Amino acid sequence: MRVEVAVNDDPDRFGGEPFARGFPYCRATIEPTALGYNDMLGWIQLVDTNDEPGFQVDFFEPLGRVPHPFAFFGFSPIMFDSPHTTYPNWDFLAHTFLCGMGGKLLEQTEAGRREVRAILGFKWGFRKRGAEIDQFGLEVLAAEDWDRHLGYLRGAYRDWEFPPGFFDHPLP
């Protein structure tokens, strides 16, 4: 896995608004050694901001709220976020987790296949005070950090299962 947290010095390049200049962005890529359906992975990002205190799933806004917790999902998905705001003061902390699905991908049950298994995680963020933007992170998260979010995830996505801890996956 490769993670880049850097300053957005070209909002047009990232499809953002001009006022996003100076805010950080995060881009995480993976190159799993698994082939086929084992490469079906997703990114779940939980954010804590001062306009909505407490960690909540950061969904991909163009799609609106969806019935699953993933911001990005697919074959070797890329996670990208470039948060920005016009608020004079704003805190943004992200806990970002790469996750897989439990069991066999095409296994079907009456209720559907809805188990999310965390593989790894990291945190990053920034603090904005007036025109000053200070980014912080990038730090590896432990399985216990994932576990602290399970109560919220289980309440917000009642049709999904979220086992505790990190699971092994053939990532390089």
Protein backbone atom coordinates (compact mmCIF):
# COMPACT_ATOMS: atom_id res chain seq x y z
CA MET A 1 0.00 0.00 0.00
CA ARG A 2 1.14 3.52 -0.76
CA VAL A 3 -0.35 6.55 0.95
CA GLU A 4 0.31 10.14 -0.01
CA VAL A 5 -0.87 13.04 2.14
CA ALA A 6 0.19 16.34 0.61
CA VAL A 7 -0.91 19.92 0.03
CA ASN A 8 -3.37 20.48 -2.80
CA ASP A 9 -1.57 23.10 -4.87
CA ASP A 10 -3.66 22.47 -8.00
CA PRO A 11 -7.40 22.06 -7.26
CA ASP A 12 -8.22 21.74 -10.98
CA ARG A 13 -6.04 18.62 -11.18
CA PHE A 14 -8.17 16.97 -8.51
CA GLY A 15 -11.51 18.26 -9.75
CA GLY A 16 -11.93 20.59 -6.79
CA GLU A 17 -13.00 24.15 -6.18
CA PRO A 18 -10.38 26.93 -6.41
CA PHE A 19 -10.64 27.57 -2.64
CA ALA A 20 -9.40 23.99 -2.01
CA ARG A 21 -5.86 25.26 -2.70
CA GLY A 22 -3.69 24.82 0.37
CA PHE A 23 -5.79 22.09 1.98
CA PRO A 24 -4.33 18.57 2.21
CA TYR A 25 -5.40 15.63 0.11
CA CYS A 26 -4.96 11.91 0.70
CA ARG A 27 -4.49 9.27 -1.98
CA ALA A 28 -3.97 5.60 -1.08
CA THR A 29 -3.27 2.88 -3.62
CA ILE A 30 -2.86 -0.86 -3.30
CA GLU A 31 -1.45 -3.61 -5.48
CA PRO A 32 -2.72 -6.87 -3.99
CA THR A 33 -1.16 -10.11 -5.08
CA ALA A 34 -4.55 -11.86 -5.05
CA LEU A 35 -6.17 -12.44 -8.41
CA GLY A 36 -9.83 -12.03 -9.28
CA TYR A 37 -12.52 -11.76 -6.64
CA ASN A 38 -10.01 -11.64 -3.78
CA ASP A 39 -9.01 -8.22 -5.12
CA MET A 40 -12.52 -6.88 -4.38
CA LEU A 41 -11.71 -4.49 -1.56
CA GLY A 42 -13.11 -1.26 -0.24
CA TRP A 43 -12.13 1.82 1.69
CA ILE A 44 -14.13 2.93 4.71
CA GLN A 45 -13.25 6.37 5.99
CA LEU A 46 -14.66 7.67 9.25
CA VAL A 47 -14.20 11.37 9.96
CA ASP A 48 -14.50 13.57 13.00
CA THR A 49 -15.05 17.26 12.29
CA ASN A 50 -16.09 20.10 14.56
CA ASP A 51 -19.29 20.69 12.57
CA GLU A 52 -20.42 17.09 13.27
CA PRO A 53 -18.56 15.88 16.39
CA GLY A 54 -17.86 12.18 16.68
CA PHE A 55 -16.65 9.85 13.94
CA GLN A 56 -19.07 9.22 11.09
CA VAL A 57 -18.73 7.44 7.74
CA ASP A 58 -17.41 9.81 5.10
CA PHE A 59 -19.41 8.76 2.05
CA PHE A 60 -18.55 9.75 -1.53
CA GLU A 61 -20.74 12.85 -1.89
CA PRO A 62 -21.51 12.63 -5.63
CA LEU A 63 -23.29 9.31 -4.96
CA GLY A 64 -25.06 10.49 -1.81
CA ARG A 65 -25.77 8.06 0.99
CA VAL A 66 -25.58 4.45 -0.12
CA PRO A 67 -26.67 1.27 1.72
CA HIS A 68 -23.06 0.22 2.45
CA PRO A 69 -20.20 1.83 4.40
CA PHE A 70 -17.66 1.99 1.55
CA ALA A 71 -16.49 5.28 0.05
CA PHE A 72 -14.67 3.35 -2.70
CA PHE A 73 -15.05 -0.32 -3.62
CA GLY A 74 -13.84 -2.51 -6.44
CA PHE A 75 -10.80 -4.28 -7.85
CA SER A 76 -7.74 -2.70 -6.21
CA PRO A 77 -9.65 0.51 -5.39
CA ILE A 78 -7.93 3.85 -4.92
CA MET A 79 -8.93 5.93 -1.91
CA PHE A 80 -8.95 9.68 -2.52
CA ASP A 81 -10.12 12.57 -0.40
CA SER A 82 -9.51 16.29 -0.66
CA PRO A 83 -11.56 17.92 2.09
CA HIS A 84 -11.89 21.67 2.12
CA THR A 85 -14.17 24.26 3.66
CA THR A 86 -15.02 27.93 3.77
CA TYR A 87 -15.38 27.83 7.57
CA PRO A 88 -12.80 30.09 9.22
CA ASN A 89 -11.95 27.38 11.78
CA TRP A 90 -12.29 23.67 11.08
CA ASP A 91 -10.79 20.45 12.40
CA PHE A 92 -10.75 17.29 10.26
CA LEU A 93 -9.52 13.89 11.48
CA ALA A 94 -9.89 10.79 9.30
CA HIS A 95 -9.55 7.14 10.24
CA THR A 96 -9.22 5.31 6.93
CA PHE A 97 -9.50 1.52 6.68
CA LEU A 98 -8.91 -0.90 3.83
CA CYS A 99 -11.47 -3.69 4.09
CA GLY A 100 -12.47 -6.90 2.37
CA MET A 101 -15.62 -8.97 2.39
CA GLY A 102 -15.94 -12.05 4.57
CA GLY A 103 -16.46 -15.51 3.09
CA LYS A 104 -16.50 -16.20 -0.62
CA LEU A 105 -17.38 -13.13 -2.68
CA LEU A 106 -20.13 -14.84 -4.69
CA GLU A 107 -21.55 -16.71 -1.70
CA GLN A 108 -25.20 -15.78 -1.31
CA THR A 109 -27.43 -16.05 1.69
CA GLU A 110 -31.07 -15.16 2.13
CA ALA A 111 -30.05 -11.85 3.72
CA GLY A 112 -27.25 -11.25 1.22
CA ARG A 113 -23.54 -11.19 1.87
CA ARG A 114 -22.78 -8.34 4.22
CA GLU A 115 -19.61 -8.84 6.24
CA VAL A 116 -16.84 -6.22 6.30
CA ARG A 117 -13.38 -7.31 7.45
CA ALA A 118 -10.81 -4.62 8.17
CA ILE A 119 -7.31 -5.33 6.89
CA LEU A 120 -5.37 -2.20 7.91
CA GLY A 121 -5.88 1.44 8.73
CA PHE A 122 -4.23 4.84 8.99
CA LYS A 123 -5.15 8.31 10.20
CA TRP A 124 -4.57 11.74 8.81
CA GLY A 125 -6.09 15.20 9.07
CA PHE A 126 -5.67 18.92 9.45
CA ARG A 127 -6.62 21.94 11.51
CA LYS A 128 -7.66 25.24 9.88
CA ARG A 129 -7.47 28.49 11.82
CA GLY A 130 -8.16 31.49 9.63
CA ALA A 131 -5.87 31.21 6.62
CA GLU A 132 -3.47 28.80 8.39
CA ILE A 133 -3.87 25.10 7.58
CA ASP A 134 -1.77 22.60 9.52
CA GLN A 135 -1.89 19.02 8.35
CA PHE A 136 -1.03 16.11 10.62
CA GLY A 137 -0.76 12.36 10.45
CA LEU A 138 0.01 10.04 8.63
CA GLU A 139 -0.03 7.34 11.33
CA VAL A 140 -0.76 3.63 11.20
CA LEU A 141 -3.86 2.59 13.13
CA ALA A 142 -4.10 -0.58 15.20
CA ALA A 143 -6.88 -3.17 15.20
CA GLU A 144 -8.10 -1.60 18.47
CA ASP A 145 -8.75 1.65 16.58
CA TRP A 146 -11.04 -0.23 14.17
CA ASP A 147 -12.74 -1.90 17.13
CA ARG A 148 -13.57 1.52 18.67
CA HIS A 149 -15.71 2.31 15.61
CA LEU A 150 -17.70 -0.95 15.64
CA GLY A 151 -20.57 0.33 17.81
CA TYR A 152 -21.19 3.22 15.42
CA LEU A 153 -20.80 1.07 12.27
CA ARG A 154 -23.13 -1.64 13.56
CA GLY A 155 -25.74 0.97 14.47
CA ALA A 156 -25.47 2.87 11.18
CA TYR A 157 -25.39 -0.25 8.96
CA ARG A 158 -27.61 -2.75 10.71
CA ASP A 159 -27.71 -5.15 7.73
CA TRP A 160 -23.91 -5.50 7.81
CA GLU A 161 -21.58 -7.42 10.10
CA PHE A 162 -18.32 -5.89 11.33
CA PRO A 163 -16.06 -8.42 13.08
CA PRO A 164 -13.42 -7.01 15.43
CA GLY A 165 -9.72 -6.87 14.66
CA PHE A 166 -7.73 -6.92 11.45
CA PHE A 167 -7.74 -9.85 9.03
CA ASP A 168 -4.90 -11.16 6.90
CA HIS A 169 -5.00 -10.42 3.19
CA PRO A 170 -2.30 -11.11 0.57
CA LEU A 171 -1.22 -7.47 0.19
CA PRO A 172 2.46 -6.90 -0.57
